[in-house]
């Protein structure tokens, strides 16, 4: 669009909103990223895997990594196993539309 905004609240608040924005009632937020790879056993807190493993060093997460991955394994190493092989965007779109959702937001990083 060629419009440039400044990193100030006044500038950001001056941008126009999409026509549907004030009427959208139901949105679906999907947290799906490399944290999904090791998080099968931690599904309720999957998006926080890195924080619990590396920052807070919670025993369940630290032990999971010790028992399942080599000692020098890094968070970035999970990326090669994030294949999304069963992702079916058409099925997802149909499901979200039939749910009545007005918008969908994908979040690939959360808590890392």
PDB file of N, CA and C in Angstrom:
ATOM      1  N   UNK A   1       0.820  -1.200   0.000  1.00  0.00           N
ATOM      2  CA  UNK A   1       0.000   0.000   0.000  1.00  0.00           C
ATOM      3  C   UNK A   1       0.857   1.255   0.000  1.00  0.00           C
ATOM      4  N   UNK A   2       2.126   1.141   0.336  1.00  0.00           N
ATOM      5  CA  UNK A   2       2.999   2.300   0.325  1.00  0.00           C
ATOM      6  C   UNK A   2       2.919   3.167   1.567  1.00  0.00           C
ATOM      7  N   UNK A   3       1.981   2.898   2.444  1.00  0.00           N
ATOM      8  CA  UNK A   3       1.853   3.679   3.676  1.00  0.00           C
ATOM      9  C   UNK A   3       2.887   3.187   4.672  1.00  0.00           C
ATOM     10  N   UNK A   4       3.561   4.112   5.305  1.00  0.00           N
ATOM     11  CA  UNK A   4       4.564   3.754   6.313  1.00  0.00           C
ATOM     12  C   UNK A   4       4.085   4.250   7.671  1.00  0.00           C
ATOM     13  N   UNK A   5       4.256   3.395   8.666  1.00  0.00           N
ATOM     14  CA  UNK A   5       3.888   3.751  10.028  1.00  0.00           C
ATOM     15  C   UNK A   5       5.145   3.841  10.877  1.00  0.00           C
ATOM     16  N   UNK A   6       5.076   4.668  11.876  1.00  0.00           N
ATOM     17  CA  UNK A   6       6.187   4.856  12.800  1.00  0.00           C
ATOM     18  C   UNK A   6       5.988   3.938  14.007  1.00  0.00           C
ATOM     19  N   UNK A   7       7.052   3.634  14.733  1.00  0.00           N
ATOM     20  CA  UNK A   7       6.917   2.771  15.921  1.00  0.00           C
ATOM     21  C   UNK A   7       6.395   3.548  17.134  1.00  0.00           C
ATOM     22  N   UNK A   8       5.225   4.161  16.945  1.00  0.00           N
ATOM     23  CA  UNK A   8       4.564   4.884  18.044  1.00  0.00           C
ATOM     24  C   UNK A   8       3.110   4.446  18.087  1.00  0.00           C
ATOM     25  N   UNK A   9       2.492   4.539  19.259  1.00  0.00           N
ATOM     26  CA  UNK A   9       1.083   4.158  19.371  1.00  0.00           C
ATOM     27  C   UNK A   9       0.210   5.042  18.490  1.00  0.00           C
ATOM     28  N   UNK A  10       0.511   6.339  18.445  1.00  0.00           N
ATOM     29  CA  UNK A  10      -0.292   7.261  17.637  1.00  0.00           C
ATOM     30  C   UNK A  10      -0.278   6.846  16.163  1.00  0.00           C
ATOM     31  N   UNK A  11       0.896   6.525  15.651  1.00  0.00           N
ATOM     32  CA  UNK A  11       1.014   6.108  14.258  1.00  0.00           C
ATOM     33  C   UNK A  11       0.302   4.780  14.012  1.00  0.00           C
ATOM     34  N   UNK A  12       0.548   3.821  14.874  1.00  0.00           N
ATOM     35  CA  UNK A  12      -0.070   2.499  14.701  1.00  0.00           C
ATOM     36  C   UNK A  12      -1.588   2.586  14.812  1.00  0.00           C
ATOM     37  N   UNK A  13      -2.083   3.396  15.748  1.00  0.00           N
ATOM     38  CA  UNK A  13      -3.533   3.540  15.914  1.00  0.00           C
ATOM     39  C   UNK A  13      -4.194   4.284  14.760  1.00  0.00           C
ATOM     40  N   UNK A  14      -3.410   4.916  13.900  1.00  0.00           N
ATOM     41  CA  UNK A  14      -3.985   5.653  12.770  1.00  0.00           C
ATOM     42  C   UNK A  14      -4.268   4.751  11.569  1.00  0.00           C
ATOM     43  N   UNK A  15      -3.814   3.524  11.604  1.00  0.00           N
ATOM     44  CA  UNK A  15      -4.012   2.642  10.452  1.00  0.00           C
ATOM     45  C   UNK A  15      -5.482   2.232  10.349  1.00  0.00           C
ATOM     46  N   UNK A  16      -5.973   2.061   9.136  1.00  0.00           N
ATOM     47  CA  UNK A  16      -7.368   1.640   8.973  1.00  0.00           C
ATOM     48  C   UNK A  16      -7.527   0.163   9.336  1.00  0.00           C
ATOM     49  N   UNK A  17      -8.662  -0.177   9.887  1.00  0.00           N
ATOM     50  CA  UNK A  17      -8.962  -1.569  10.226  1.00  0.00           C
ATOM     51  C   UNK A  17      -9.756  -2.204   9.090  1.00  0.00           C
ATOM     52  N   UNK A  18      -9.626  -3.512   8.902  1.00  0.00           N
ATOM     53  CA  UNK A  18     -10.429  -4.180   7.871  1.00  0.00           C
ATOM     54  C   UNK A  18     -11.921  -4.025   8.178  1.00  0.00           C
ATOM     55  N   UNK A  19     -12.741  -4.012   7.146  1.00  0.00           N
ATOM     56  CA  UNK A  19     -14.183  -3.801   7.308  1.00  0.00           C
ATOM     57  C   UNK A  19     -14.819  -4.812   8.263  1.00  0.00           C
ATOM     58  N   UNK A  20     -14.359  -6.047   8.264  1.00  0.00           N
ATOM     59  CA  UNK A  20     -14.968  -7.092   9.083  1.00  0.00           C
ATOM     60  C   UNK A  20     -14.577  -6.996  10.554  1.00  0.00           C
ATOM     61  N   UNK A  21     -13.541  -6.234  10.869  1.00  0.00           N
ATOM     62  CA  UNK A  21     -12.919  -6.281  12.192  1.00  0.00           C
ATOM     63  C   UNK A  21     -13.891  -5.984  13.340  1.00  0.00           C
ATOM     64  N   UNK A  22     -14.685  -4.949  13.215  1.00  0.00           N
ATOM     65  CA  UNK A  22     -15.589  -4.580  14.314  1.00  0.00           C
ATOM     66  C   UNK A  22     -16.757  -5.547  14.469  1.00  0.00           C
ATOM     67  N   UNK A  23     -16.975  -6.389  13.471  1.00  0.00           N
ATOM     68  CA  UNK A  23     -18.109  -7.316  13.529  1.00  0.00           C
ATOM     69  C   UNK A  23     -17.690  -8.765  13.759  1.00  0.00           C
ATOM     70  N   UNK A  24     -16.416  -9.047  13.641  1.00  0.00           N
ATOM     71  CA  UNK A  24     -15.925 -10.403  13.852  1.00  0.00           C
ATOM     72  C   UNK A  24     -16.105 -10.813  15.312  1.00  0.00           C
ATOM     73  N   UNK A  25     -16.787 -11.883  15.544  1.00  0.00           N
ATOM     74  CA  UNK A  25     -17.091 -12.315  16.917  1.00  0.00           C
ATOM     75  C   UNK A  25     -16.284 -13.528  17.367  1.00  0.00           C
ATOM     76  N   UNK A  26     -15.983 -14.428  16.451  1.00  0.00           N
ATOM     77  CA  UNK A  26     -15.322 -15.669  16.832  1.00  0.00           C
ATOM     78  C   UNK A  26     -14.048 -15.850  16.025  1.00  0.00           C
ATOM     79  N   UNK A  27     -12.948 -16.010  16.733  1.00  0.00           N
ATOM     80  CA  UNK A  27     -11.676 -16.254  16.072  1.00  0.00           C
ATOM     81  C   UNK A  27     -11.035 -17.516  16.612  1.00  0.00           C
ATOM     82  N   UNK A  28     -10.216 -18.125  15.807  1.00  0.00           N
ATOM     83  CA  UNK A  28      -9.497 -19.331  16.202  1.00  0.00           C
ATOM     84  C   UNK A  28      -8.010 -19.017  16.164  1.00  0.00           C
ATOM     85  N   UNK A  29      -7.337 -19.240  17.279  1.00  0.00           N
ATOM     86  CA  UNK A  29      -5.897 -19.040  17.369  1.00  0.00           C
ATOM     87  C   UNK A  29      -5.226 -20.405  17.414  1.00  0.00           C
ATOM     88  N   UNK A  30      -4.300 -20.623  16.505  1.00  0.00           N
ATOM     89  CA  UNK A  30      -3.613 -21.902  16.405  1.00  0.00           C
ATOM     90  C   UNK A  30      -2.150 -21.694  16.743  1.00  0.00           C
ATOM     91  N   UNK A  31      -1.689 -22.352  17.780  1.00  0.00           N
ATOM     92  CA  UNK A  31      -0.285 -22.300  18.179  1.00  0.00           C
ATOM     93  C   UNK A  31       0.366 -23.577  17.654  1.00  0.00           C
ATOM     94  N   UNK A  32       1.167 -23.421  16.609  1.00  0.00           N
ATOM     95  CA  UNK A  32       1.729 -24.589  15.936  1.00  0.00           C
ATOM     96  C   UNK A  32       3.098 -24.233  15.396  1.00  0.00           C
ATOM     97  N   UNK A  33       4.124 -24.802  15.973  1.00  0.00           N
ATOM     98  CA  UNK A  33       5.485 -24.523  15.545  1.00  0.00           C
ATOM     99  C   UNK A  33       6.391 -25.670  15.920  1.00  0.00           C
ATOM    100  N   UNK A  34       7.700 -25.418  15.946  1.00  0.00           N
ATOM    101  CA  UNK A  34       8.638 -26.502  16.242  1.00  0.00           C
ATOM    102  C   UNK A  34       8.427 -27.082  17.636  1.00  0.00           C
ATOM    103  N   UNK A  35       7.814 -26.326  18.525  1.00  0.00           N
ATOM    104  CA  UNK A  35       7.521 -26.851  19.866  1.00  0.00           C
ATOM    105  C   UNK A  35       6.573 -28.039  19.811  1.00  0.00           C
ATOM    106  N   UNK A  36       5.876 -28.211  18.701  1.00  0.00           N
ATOM    107  CA  UNK A  36       4.960 -29.343  18.544  1.00  0.00           C
ATOM    108  C   UNK A  36       5.702 -30.669  18.453  1.00  0.00           C
ATOM    109  N   UNK A  37       6.949 -30.639  18.017  1.00  0.00           N
ATOM    110  CA  UNK A  37       7.720 -31.872  17.834  1.00  0.00           C
ATOM    111  C   UNK A  37       7.959 -32.592  19.164  1.00  0.00           C
ATOM    112  N   UNK A  38       8.524 -31.949  20.184  1.00  0.00           N
ATOM    113  CA  UNK A  38       8.789 -32.663  21.428  1.00  0.00           C
ATOM    114  C   UNK A  38       7.621 -32.651  22.401  1.00  0.00           C
ATOM    115  N   UNK A  39       6.546 -32.000  22.046  1.00  0.00           N
ATOM    116  CA  UNK A  39       5.517 -31.714  23.037  1.00  0.00           C
ATOM    117  C   UNK A  39       4.374 -32.702  23.117  1.00  0.00           C
ATOM    118  N   UNK A  40       4.498 -33.857  22.498  1.00  0.00           N
ATOM    119  CA  UNK A  40       3.405 -34.827  22.530  1.00  0.00           C
ATOM    120  C   UNK A  40       2.969 -35.144  23.951  1.00  0.00           C
ATOM    121  N   UNK A  41       3.895 -35.263  24.858  1.00  0.00           N
ATOM    122  CA  UNK A  41       3.555 -35.565  26.245  1.00  0.00           C
ATOM    123  C   UNK A  41       3.220 -34.347  27.076  1.00  0.00           C
ATOM    124  N   UNK A  42       3.335 -33.183  26.469  1.00  0.00           N
ATOM    125  CA  UNK A  42       3.107 -31.931  27.196  1.00  0.00           C
ATOM    126  C   UNK A  42       2.092 -31.070  26.455  1.00  0.00           C
ATOM    127  N   UNK A  43       1.100 -31.698  25.830  1.00  0.00           N
ATOM    128  CA  UNK A  43       0.210 -30.985  24.920  1.00  0.00           C
ATOM    129  C   UNK A  43      -0.476 -29.769  25.509  1.00  0.00           C
ATOM    130  N   UNK A  44      -0.825 -29.777  26.781  1.00  0.00           N
ATOM    131  CA  UNK A  44      -1.539 -28.626  27.331  1.00  0.00           C
ATOM    132  C   UNK A  44      -0.640 -27.409  27.486  1.00  0.00           C
ATOM    133  N   UNK A  45       0.658 -27.620  27.504  1.00  0.00           N
ATOM    134  CA  UNK A  45       1.611 -26.516  27.634  1.00  0.00           C
ATOM    135  C   UNK A  45       2.647 -26.538  26.516  1.00  0.00           C
ATOM    136  N   UNK A  46       2.303 -27.107  25.376  1.00  0.00           N
ATOM    137  CA  UNK A  46       3.264 -27.308  24.295  1.00  0.00           C
ATOM    138  C   UNK A  46       3.954 -26.024  23.856  1.00  0.00           C
ATOM    139  N   UNK A  47       3.220 -24.945  23.744  1.00  0.00           N
ATOM    140  CA  UNK A  47       3.803 -23.702  23.247  1.00  0.00           C
ATOM    141  C   UNK A  47       4.858 -23.126  24.183  1.00  0.00           C
ATOM    142  N   UNK A  48       4.873 -23.611  25.404  1.00  0.00           N
ATOM    143  CA  UNK A  48       5.843 -23.115  26.387  1.00  0.00           C
ATOM    144  C   UNK A  48       6.999 -24.087  26.591  1.00  0.00           C
ATOM    145  N   UNK A  49       7.159 -25.061  25.708  1.00  0.00           N
ATOM    146  CA  UNK A  49       8.168 -26.099  25.887  1.00  0.00           C
ATOM    147  C   UNK A  49       9.557 -25.523  26.131  1.00  0.00           C
ATOM    148  N   UNK A  50      10.002 -24.619  25.254  1.00  0.00           N
ATOM    149  CA  UNK A  50      11.356 -24.067  25.389  1.00  0.00           C
ATOM    150  C   UNK A  50      11.529 -23.362  26.732  1.00  0.00           C
ATOM    151  N   UNK A  51      10.558 -22.577  27.129  1.00  0.00           N
ATOM    152  CA  UNK A  51      10.644 -21.840  28.400  1.00  0.00           C
ATOM    153  C   UNK A  51      10.789 -22.799  29.569  1.00  0.00           C
ATOM    154  N   UNK A  52       9.968 -23.836  29.589  1.00  0.00           N
ATOM    155  CA  UNK A  52      10.009 -24.787  30.703  1.00  0.00           C
ATOM    156  C   UNK A  52      11.280 -25.629  30.698  1.00  0.00           C
ATOM    157  N   UNK A  53      11.795 -25.915  29.499  1.00  0.00           N
ATOM    158  CA  UNK A  53      13.005 -26.735  29.381  1.00  0.00           C
ATOM    159  C   UNK A  53      14.259 -25.920  29.666  1.00  0.00           C
ATOM    160  N   UNK A  54      14.457 -24.793  28.990  1.00  0.00           N
ATOM    161  CA  UNK A  54      15.724 -24.070  29.041  1.00  0.00           C
ATOM    162  C   UNK A  54      15.764 -22.936  30.063  1.00  0.00           C
ATOM    163  N   UNK A  55      14.646 -22.265  30.292  1.00  0.00           N
ATOM    164  CA  UNK A  55      14.677 -21.136  31.219  1.00  0.00           C
ATOM    165  C   UNK A  55      14.328 -21.551  32.643  1.00  0.00           C
ATOM    166  N   UNK A  56      13.166 -22.167  32.794  1.00  0.00           N
ATOM    167  CA  UNK A  56      12.728 -22.551  34.140  1.00  0.00           C
ATOM    168  C   UNK A  56      13.306 -23.889  34.579  1.00  0.00           C
ATOM    169  N   UNK A  57      13.773 -24.666  33.613  1.00  0.00           N
ATOM    170  CA  UNK A  57      14.391 -25.967  33.879  1.00  0.00           C
ATOM    171  C   UNK A  57      13.509 -26.874  34.757  1.00  0.00           C
ATOM    172  N   UNK A  58      12.246 -26.967  34.374  1.00  0.00           N
ATOM    173  CA  UNK A  58      11.327 -27.834  35.110  1.00  0.00           C
ATOM    174  C   UNK A  58      11.760 -29.288  34.922  1.00  0.00           C
ATOM    175  N   UNK A  59      11.807 -30.063  35.996  1.00  0.00           N
ATOM    176  CA  UNK A  59      12.324 -31.435  35.931  1.00  0.00           C
ATOM    177  C   UNK A  59      11.677 -32.313  34.854  1.00  0.00           C
ATOM    178  N   UNK A  60      10.374 -32.240  34.684  1.00  0.00           N
ATOM    179  CA  UNK A  60       9.719 -33.093  33.685  1.00  0.00           C
ATOM    180  C   UNK A  60      10.256 -32.817  32.281  1.00  0.00           C
ATOM    181  N   UNK A  61      10.506 -31.569  31.970  1.00  0.00           N
ATOM    182  CA  UNK A  61      10.986 -31.187  30.639  1.00  0.00           C
ATOM    183  C   UNK A  61      12.470 -31.507  30.483  1.00  0.00           C
ATOM    184  N   UNK A  62      13.254 -31.207  31.500  1.00  0.00           N
ATOM    185  CA  UNK A  62      14.690 -31.506  31.472  1.00  0.00           C
ATOM    186  C   UNK A  62      14.904 -33.010  31.351  1.00  0.00           C
ATOM    187  N   UNK A  63      14.179 -33.788  32.136  1.00  0.00           N
ATOM    188  CA  UNK A  63      14.321 -35.249  32.089  1.00  0.00           C
ATOM    189  C   UNK A  63      13.847 -35.826  30.757  1.00  0.00           C
ATOM    190  N   UNK A  64      12.780 -35.264  30.216  1.00  0.00           N
ATOM    191  CA  UNK A  64      12.301 -35.706  28.906  1.00  0.00           C
ATOM    192  C   UNK A  64      13.400 -35.542  27.864  1.00  0.00           C
ATOM    193  N   UNK A  65      14.052 -34.397  27.884  1.00  0.00           N
ATOM    194  CA  UNK A  65      15.123 -34.145  26.917  1.00  0.00           C
ATOM    195  C   UNK A  65      16.314 -35.071  27.157  1.00  0.00           C
ATOM    196  N   UNK A  66      16.677 -35.279  28.415  1.00  0.00           N
ATOM    197  CA  UNK A  66      17.805 -36.173  28.731  1.00  0.00           C
ATOM    198  C   UNK A  66      17.528 -37.596  28.271  1.00  0.00           C
ATOM    199  N   UNK A  67      16.279 -38.024  28.411  1.00  0.00           N
ATOM    200  CA  UNK A  67      15.909 -39.401  28.078  1.00  0.00           C
ATOM    201  C   UNK A  67      15.644 -39.635  26.590  1.00  0.00           C
ATOM    202  N   UNK A  68      15.428 -38.572  25.823  1.00  0.00           N
ATOM    203  CA  UNK A  68      15.019 -38.750  24.434  1.00  0.00           C
ATOM    204  C   UNK A  68      15.913 -38.103  23.380  1.00  0.00           C
ATOM    205  N   UNK A  69      16.823 -37.241  23.796  1.00  0.00           N
ATOM    206  CA  UNK A  69      17.656 -36.522  22.829  1.00  0.00           C
ATOM    207  C   UNK A  69      19.100 -36.478  23.303  1.00  0.00           C
ATOM    208  N   UNK A  70      20.017 -36.320  22.358  1.00  0.00           N
ATOM    209  CA  UNK A  70      21.435 -36.259  22.698  1.00  0.00           C
ATOM    210  C   UNK A  70      21.716 -35.001  23.544  1.00  0.00           C
ATOM    211  N   UNK A  71      22.775 -34.997  24.324  1.00  0.00           N
ATOM    212  CA  UNK A  71      23.069 -33.885  25.245  1.00  0.00           C
ATOM    213  C   UNK A  71      23.238 -32.520  24.575  1.00  0.00           C
ATOM    214  N   UNK A  72      23.765 -32.493  23.352  1.00  0.00           N
ATOM    215  CA  UNK A  72      23.999 -31.204  22.688  1.00  0.00           C
ATOM    216  C   UNK A  72      22.831 -30.768  21.794  1.00  0.00           C
ATOM    217  N   UNK A  73      21.686 -31.428  21.939  1.00  0.00           N
ATOM    218  CA  UNK A  73      20.512 -31.109  21.128  1.00  0.00           C
ATOM    219  C   UNK A  73      20.014 -29.711  21.475  1.00  0.00           C
ATOM    220  N   UNK A  74      19.708 -28.921  20.445  1.00  0.00           N
ATOM    221  CA  UNK A  74      19.208 -27.564  20.675  1.00  0.00           C
ATOM    222  C   UNK A  74      17.754 -27.456  20.238  1.00  0.00           C
ATOM    223  N   UNK A  75      17.119 -26.399  20.650  1.00  0.00           N
ATOM    224  CA  UNK A  75      15.728 -26.158  20.274  1.00  0.00           C
ATOM    225  C   UNK A  75      15.585 -26.079  18.756  1.00  0.00           C
ATOM    226  N   UNK A  76      16.532 -25.427  18.097  1.00  0.00           N
ATOM    227  CA  UNK A  76      16.491 -25.301  16.634  1.00  0.00           C
ATOM    228  C   UNK A  76      16.558 -26.660  15.941  1.00  0.00           C
ATOM    229  N   UNK A  77      17.150 -27.650  16.594  1.00  0.00           N
ATOM    230  CA  UNK A  77      17.247 -28.990  16.008  1.00  0.00           C
ATOM    231  C   UNK A  77      15.878 -29.642  15.795  1.00  0.00           C
ATOM    232  N   UNK A  78      14.867 -29.185  16.508  1.00  0.00           N
ATOM    233  CA  UNK A  78      13.523 -29.744  16.325  1.00  0.00           C
ATOM    234  C   UNK A  78      12.953 -29.402  14.945  1.00  0.00           C
ATOM    235  N   UNK A  79      13.441 -28.329  14.326  1.00  0.00           N
ATOM    236  CA  UNK A  79      12.863 -27.845  13.067  1.00  0.00           C
ATOM    237  C   UNK A  79      12.863 -28.907  11.970  1.00  0.00           C
ATOM    238  N   UNK A  80      13.916 -29.707  11.890  1.00  0.00           N
ATOM    239  CA  UNK A  80      13.980 -30.713  10.816  1.00  0.00           C
ATOM    240  C   UNK A  80      12.876 -31.766  10.946  1.00  0.00           C
ATOM    241  N   UNK A  81      12.341 -31.937  12.143  1.00  0.00           N
ATOM    242  CA  UNK A  81      11.282 -32.925  12.350  1.00  0.00           C
ATOM    243  C   UNK A  81       9.878 -32.323  12.304  1.00  0.00           C
ATOM    244  N   UNK A  82       9.803 -31.020  12.104  1.00  0.00           N
ATOM    245  CA  UNK A  82       8.499 -30.360  11.973  1.00  0.00           C
ATOM    246  C   UNK A  82       8.085 -30.425  10.505  1.00  0.00           C
ATOM    247  N   UNK A  83       7.450 -31.520  10.135  1.00  0.00           N
ATOM    248  CA  UNK A  83       7.136 -31.776   8.727  1.00  0.00           C
ATOM    249  C   UNK A  83       5.704 -31.426   8.339  1.00  0.00           C
ATOM    250  N   UNK A  84       4.810 -31.360   9.295  1.00  0.00           N
ATOM    251  CA  UNK A  84       3.396 -31.066   9.038  1.00  0.00           C
ATOM    252  C   UNK A  84       2.821 -32.016   7.985  1.00  0.00           C
ATOM    253  N   UNK A  85       3.279 -33.255   8.005  1.00  0.00           N
ATOM    254  CA  UNK A  85       2.911 -34.204   6.953  1.00  0.00           C
ATOM    255  C   UNK A  85       1.419 -34.512   6.880  1.00  0.00           C
ATOM    256  N   UNK A  86       0.693 -34.361   7.967  1.00  0.00           N
ATOM    257  CA  UNK A  86      -0.738 -34.653   7.947  1.00  0.00           C
ATOM    258  C   UNK A  86      -1.597 -33.389   7.858  1.00  0.00           C
ATOM    259  N   UNK A  87      -0.974 -32.247   7.647  1.00  0.00           N
ATOM    260  CA  UNK A  87      -1.696 -30.982   7.536  1.00  0.00           C
ATOM    261  C   UNK A  87      -2.543 -30.978   6.268  1.00  0.00           C
ATOM    262  N   UNK A  88      -3.819 -30.737   6.429  1.00  0.00           N
ATOM    263  CA  UNK A  88      -4.749 -30.685   5.302  1.00  0.00           C
ATOM    264  C   UNK A  88      -5.449 -29.327   5.352  1.00  0.00           C
ATOM    265  N   UNK A  89      -4.906 -28.316   4.680  1.00  0.00           N
ATOM    266  CA  UNK A  89      -5.465 -26.973   4.798  1.00  0.00           C
ATOM    267  C   UNK A  89      -6.920 -26.872   4.358  1.00  0.00           C
ATOM    268  N   UNK A  90      -7.321 -27.646   3.369  1.00  0.00           N
ATOM    269  CA  UNK A  90      -8.718 -27.594   2.931  1.00  0.00           C
ATOM    270  C   UNK A  90      -9.655 -28.118   4.008  1.00  0.00           C
ATOM    271  N   UNK A  91      -9.279 -29.212   4.656  1.00  0.00           N
ATOM    272  CA  UNK A  91     -10.104 -29.756   5.739  1.00  0.00           C
ATOM    273  C   UNK A  91     -10.176 -28.763   6.896  1.00  0.00           C
ATOM    274  N   UNK A  92      -9.046 -28.140   7.212  1.00  0.00           N
ATOM    275  CA  UNK A  92      -9.040 -27.145   8.293  1.00  0.00           C
ATOM    276  C   UNK A  92      -9.957 -25.973   7.940  1.00  0.00           C
ATOM    277  N   UNK A  93      -9.849 -25.475   6.706  1.00  0.00           N
ATOM    278  CA  UNK A  93     -10.669 -24.334   6.283  1.00  0.00           C
ATOM    279  C   UNK A  93     -12.154 -24.672   6.368  1.00  0.00           C
ATOM    280  N   UNK A  94     -12.519 -25.866   5.924  1.00  0.00           N
ATOM    281  CA  UNK A  94     -13.919 -26.290   6.003  1.00  0.00           C
ATOM    282  C   UNK A  94     -14.384 -26.372   7.453  1.00  0.00           C
ATOM    283  N   UNK A  95     -13.551 -26.939   8.319  1.00  0.00           N
ATOM    284  CA  UNK A  95     -13.896 -27.058   9.733  1.00  0.00           C
ATOM    285  C   UNK A  95     -14.078 -25.682  10.369  1.00  0.00           C
ATOM    286  N   UNK A  96     -13.142 -24.787  10.123  1.00  0.00           N
ATOM    287  CA  UNK A  96     -13.220 -23.457  10.725  1.00  0.00           C
ATOM    288  C   UNK A  96     -14.422 -22.684  10.192  1.00  0.00           C
ATOM    289  N   UNK A  97     -14.682 -22.805   8.902  1.00  0.00           N
ATOM    290  CA  UNK A  97     -15.840 -22.121   8.334  1.00  0.00           C
ATOM    291  C   UNK A  97     -17.133 -22.676   8.926  1.00  0.00           C
ATOM    292  N   UNK A  98     -17.230 -23.994   9.051  1.00  0.00           N
ATOM    293  CA  UNK A  98     -18.451 -24.591   9.603  1.00  0.00           C
ATOM    294  C   UNK A  98     -18.632 -24.268  11.082  1.00  0.00           C
ATOM    295  N   UNK A  99     -17.538 -23.910  11.763  1.00  0.00           N
ATOM    296  CA  UNK A  99     -17.646 -23.540  13.182  1.00  0.00           C
ATOM    297  C   UNK A  99     -18.198 -22.134  13.359  1.00  0.00           C
ATOM    298  N   UNK A 100     -18.211 -21.362  12.277  1.00  0.00           N
ATOM    299  CA  UNK A 100     -18.682 -19.984  12.356  1.00  0.00           C
ATOM    300  C   UNK A 100     -17.576 -18.985  12.638  1.00  0.00           C
ATOM    301  N   UNK A 101     -16.333 -19.434  12.597  1.00  0.00           N
ATOM    302  CA  UNK A 101     -15.209 -18.529  12.872  1.00  0.00           C
ATOM    303  C   UNK A 101     -15.137 -17.434  11.815  1.00  0.00           C
ATOM    304  N   UNK A 102     -14.866 -16.227  12.289  1.00  0.00           N
ATOM    305  CA  UNK A 102     -14.714 -15.086  11.390  1.00  0.00           C
ATOM    306  C   UNK A 102     -13.268 -14.884  10.959  1.00  0.00           C
ATOM    307  N   UNK A 103     -12.337 -15.400  11.751  1.00  0.00           N
ATOM    308  CA  UNK A 103     -10.923 -15.239  11.411  1.00  0.00           C
ATOM    309  C   UNK A 103     -10.095 -16.312  12.096  1.00  0.00           C
ATOM    310  N   UNK A 104      -8.905 -16.531  11.555  1.00  0.00           N
ATOM    311  CA  UNK A 104      -7.961 -17.509  12.100  1.00  0.00           C
ATOM    312  C   UNK A 104      -6.606 -16.832  12.204  1.00  0.00           C
ATOM    313  N   UNK A 105      -5.895 -17.093  13.299  1.00  0.00           N
ATOM    314  CA  UNK A 105      -4.551 -16.553  13.493  1.00  0.00           C
ATOM    315  C   UNK A 105      -3.617 -17.721  13.782  1.00  0.00           C
ATOM    316  N   UNK A 106      -2.577 -17.869  12.964  1.00  0.00           N
ATOM    317  CA  UNK A 106      -1.539 -18.869  13.225  1.00  0.00           C
ATOM    318  C   UNK A 106      -0.426 -18.215  14.030  1.00  0.00           C
ATOM    319  N   UNK A 107       0.020 -18.886  15.069  1.00  0.00           N
ATOM    320  CA  UNK A 107       1.141 -18.413  15.879  1.00  0.00           C
ATOM    321  C   UNK A 107       2.204 -19.498  15.852  1.00  0.00           C
ATOM    322  N   UNK A 108       3.337 -19.206  15.240  1.00  0.00           N
ATOM    323  CA  UNK A 108       4.384 -20.218  15.129  1.00  0.00           C
ATOM    324  C   UNK A 108       5.408 -20.132  16.249  1.00  0.00           C
ATOM    325  N   UNK A 109       5.436 -19.026  16.962  1.00  0.00           N
ATOM    326  CA  UNK A 109       6.338 -18.887  18.112  1.00  0.00           C
ATOM    327  C   UNK A 109       5.522 -18.368  19.282  1.00  0.00           C
ATOM    328  N   UNK A 110       5.725 -18.995  20.420  1.00  0.00           N
ATOM    329  CA  UNK A 110       5.004 -18.575  21.615  1.00  0.00           C
ATOM    330  C   UNK A 110       5.827 -19.019  22.813  1.00  0.00           C
ATOM    331  N   UNK A 111       6.373 -18.070  23.515  1.00  0.00           N
ATOM    332  CA  UNK A 111       7.127 -18.407  24.712  1.00  0.00           C
ATOM    333  C   UNK A 111       8.568 -18.795  24.471  1.00  0.00           C
ATOM    334  N   UNK A 112       9.024 -18.770  23.226  1.00  0.00           N
ATOM    335  CA  UNK A 112      10.418 -19.123  22.967  1.00  0.00           C
ATOM    336  C   UNK A 112      11.284 -17.896  23.103  1.00  0.00           C
TER     337      UNK A 112
END
